Structures are given as structure tokens and as C-alpha cells.
Amino acid sequence: MNVKIFIREFPVAHLAIGVVGNVIFFVGSVLFIWHATELVAIWLFIIGSFGMMLGAVGQAVYIHERHRLNGAPGEAARSSLRG
């Protein structure tokens, strides 16, 4: 399966990746409170940030593909007003 097709057909996947990234980021942030868990906190912070980034990129690609295939929101209304 092509990556673009996967991103377009399963928008909930990048939403889930982003949510998991947010949770990991949050847990990593909390672990910074204690000095003993600082190394784990750093890695969770990095992994969570990466998950959040993947979720955002996936959502951006999904929106771009949807607009490319269906036209931008309101485009049909604007063209009917001109015509």
C-alpha cells in the first residue's frame, strides 16, 4: 500500500499517533520533577515530540490530499457566485 494512500484513507492513524505522542510528552515532562528519572524524561520528551510531529505532518498531508482531490473548502461556493 502506498504511503499517500494510507495517509489519505486512515486519517485516524495520525490523530492516534499525535495523541500518543502528547501523552508520552506529558509523562516525560512530569518525570523532569525528580532528578532520578531525568534520563527517562529526556527520552520520553524526545519520543513524544517526534510522535506529535508525525501526527501533525500526517494531518497536513491528509488535508492537502483532500483539498487536491475535492477542492478547497468553499471553492464550489465561490465559483458558483462568479458564474
C-alpha atoms as a PDB file:
ATOM      1  CA  MET A   1       0.000   0.000   0.000  1.00  0.00           C
ATOM      2  CA  ASN A   2       1.287   3.445  -0.951  1.00  0.00           C
ATOM      3  CA  VAL A   3       2.073   5.815   1.938  1.00  0.00           C
ATOM      4  CA  LYS A   4      -0.054   8.631   0.474  1.00  0.00           C
ATOM      5  CA  ILE A   5      -3.000   6.264   0.089  1.00  0.00           C
ATOM      6  CA  PHE A   6      -2.563   5.080   3.695  1.00  0.00           C
ATOM      7  CA  ILE A   7      -2.428   8.666   4.977  1.00  0.00           C
ATOM      8  CA  ARG A   8      -5.475   9.640   2.922  1.00  0.00           C
ATOM      9  CA  GLU A   9      -7.552   6.564   3.792  1.00  0.00           C
ATOM     10  CA  PHE A  10      -6.748   6.357   7.518  1.00  0.00           C
ATOM     11  CA  PRO A  11      -6.788   9.890   8.976  1.00  0.00           C
ATOM     12  CA  VAL A  12      -7.446   8.482  12.446  1.00  0.00           C
ATOM     13  CA  ALA A  13      -3.972   6.870  12.368  1.00  0.00           C
ATOM     14  CA  HIS A  14      -2.105  10.176  12.506  1.00  0.00           C
ATOM     15  CA  LEU A  15      -4.558  11.501  15.052  1.00  0.00           C
ATOM     16  CA  ALA A  16      -3.814   8.477  17.251  1.00  0.00           C
ATOM     17  CA  ILE A  17      -0.054   8.884  16.733  1.00  0.00           C
ATOM     18  CA  GLY A  18      -0.337  12.545  17.735  1.00  0.00           C
ATOM     19  CA  VAL A  19      -2.391  11.743  20.852  1.00  0.00           C
ATOM     20  CA  VAL A  20       0.048   9.022  21.939  1.00  0.00           C
ATOM     21  CA  GLY A  21       2.888  11.481  21.322  1.00  0.00           C
ATOM     22  CA  ASN A  22       1.142  14.060  23.501  1.00  0.00           C
ATOM     23  CA  VAL A  23       0.695  11.557  26.338  1.00  0.00           C
ATOM     24  CA  ILE A  24       4.338  10.441  26.161  1.00  0.00           C
ATOM     25  CA  PHE A  25       5.458  14.082  26.043  1.00  0.00           C
ATOM     26  CA  PHE A  26       3.348  14.862  29.110  1.00  0.00           C
ATOM     27  CA  VAL A  27       4.666  11.871  31.073  1.00  0.00           C
ATOM     28  CA  GLY A  28       8.215  12.863  30.152  1.00  0.00           C
ATOM     29  CA  SER A  29       7.556  16.402  31.315  1.00  0.00           C
ATOM     30  CA  VAL A  30       6.253  15.189  34.686  1.00  0.00           C
ATOM     31  CA  LEU A  31       9.287  12.936  35.146  1.00  0.00           C
ATOM     32  CA  PHE A  32      11.540  16.013  34.994  1.00  0.00           C
ATOM     33  CA  ILE A  33      10.321  16.803  38.538  1.00  0.00           C
ATOM     34  CA  TRP A  34      12.590  14.120  40.030  1.00  0.00           C
ATOM     35  CA  HIS A  35      16.306  14.106  39.368  1.00  0.00           C
ATOM     36  CA  ALA A  36      16.426  10.281  39.446  1.00  0.00           C
ATOM     37  CA  THR A  37      14.117   9.997  36.401  1.00  0.00           C
ATOM     38  CA  GLU A  38      15.719  12.755  34.358  1.00  0.00           C
ATOM     39  CA  LEU A  39      17.278  10.449  31.716  1.00  0.00           C
ATOM     40  CA  VAL A  40      13.966   8.651  31.134  1.00  0.00           C
ATOM     41  CA  ALA A  41      12.221  12.025  30.997  1.00  0.00           C
ATOM     42  CA  ILE A  42      14.604  13.242  28.298  1.00  0.00           C
ATOM     43  CA  TRP A  43      13.959  10.211  26.087  1.00  0.00           C
ATOM     44  CA  LEU A  44      10.186  10.324  26.610  1.00  0.00           C
ATOM     45  CA  PHE A  45      10.276  14.042  25.820  1.00  0.00           C
ATOM     46  CA  ILE A  46      12.111  13.329  22.539  1.00  0.00           C
ATOM     47  CA  ILE A  47       9.911  10.354  21.565  1.00  0.00           C
ATOM     48  CA  GLY A  48       6.721  12.246  22.447  1.00  0.00           C
ATOM     49  CA  SER A  49       7.823  15.276  20.442  1.00  0.00           C
ATOM     50  CA  PHE A  50       8.546  13.051  17.451  1.00  0.00           C
ATOM     51  CA  GLY A  51       5.100  11.438  17.747  1.00  0.00           C
ATOM     52  CA  MET A  52       3.441  14.842  17.906  1.00  0.00           C
ATOM     53  CA  MET A  53       5.394  15.920  14.818  1.00  0.00           C
ATOM     54  CA  LEU A  54       4.408  12.756  12.904  1.00  0.00           C
ATOM     55  CA  GLY A  55       0.767  13.318  13.804  1.00  0.00           C
ATOM     56  CA  ALA A  56       0.891  16.930  12.604  1.00  0.00           C
ATOM     57  CA  VAL A  57       2.687  16.053   9.355  1.00  0.00           C
ATOM     58  CA  GLY A  58       0.222  13.252   8.668  1.00  0.00           C
ATOM     59  CA  GLN A  59      -2.711  15.602   9.265  1.00  0.00           C
ATOM     60  CA  ALA A  60      -1.167  18.218   6.951  1.00  0.00           C
ATOM     61  CA  VAL A  61      -0.688  15.642   4.179  1.00  0.00           C
ATOM     62  CA  TYR A  62      -4.249  14.398   4.692  1.00  0.00           C
ATOM     63  CA  ILE A  63      -5.680  17.924   4.402  1.00  0.00           C
ATOM     64  CA  HIS A  64      -3.521  18.681   1.355  1.00  0.00           C
ATOM     65  CA  GLU A  65      -4.600  15.468  -0.396  1.00  0.00           C
ATOM     66  CA  ARG A  66      -8.262  16.069   0.474  1.00  0.00           C
ATOM     67  CA  HIS A  67      -8.093  19.595  -0.970  1.00  0.00           C
ATOM     68  CA  ARG A  68      -6.251  18.359  -4.048  1.00  0.00           C
ATOM     69  CA  LEU A  69      -8.899  15.707  -4.732  1.00  0.00           C
ATOM     70  CA  ASN A  70     -12.045  17.571  -3.623  1.00  0.00           C
ATOM     71  CA  GLY A  71     -11.060  21.224  -3.913  1.00  0.00           C
ATOM     72  CA  ALA A  72     -10.532  23.640  -1.058  1.00  0.00           C
ATOM     73  CA  PRO A  73     -13.429  24.283   1.348  1.00  0.00           C
ATOM     74  CA  GLY A  74     -15.764  26.908  -0.048  1.00  0.00           C
ATOM     75  CA  GLU A  75     -14.273  26.685  -3.546  1.00  0.00           C
ATOM     76  CA  ALA A  76     -17.534  25.447  -5.070  1.00  0.00           C
ATOM     77  CA  ALA A  77     -19.494  28.266  -3.416  1.00  0.00           C
ATOM     78  CA  ARG A  78     -17.055  30.901  -4.721  1.00  0.00           C
ATOM     79  CA  SER A  79     -17.143  29.542  -8.270  1.00  0.00           C
ATOM     80  CA  SER A  80     -20.960  29.440  -8.291  1.00  0.00           C
ATOM     81  CA  LEU A  81     -21.096  33.105  -7.204  1.00  0.00           C
ATOM     82  CA  ARG A  82     -18.844  34.103 -10.111  1.00  0.00           C
ATOM     83  CA  GLY A  83     -20.732  32.159 -12.721  1.00  0.00           C
END
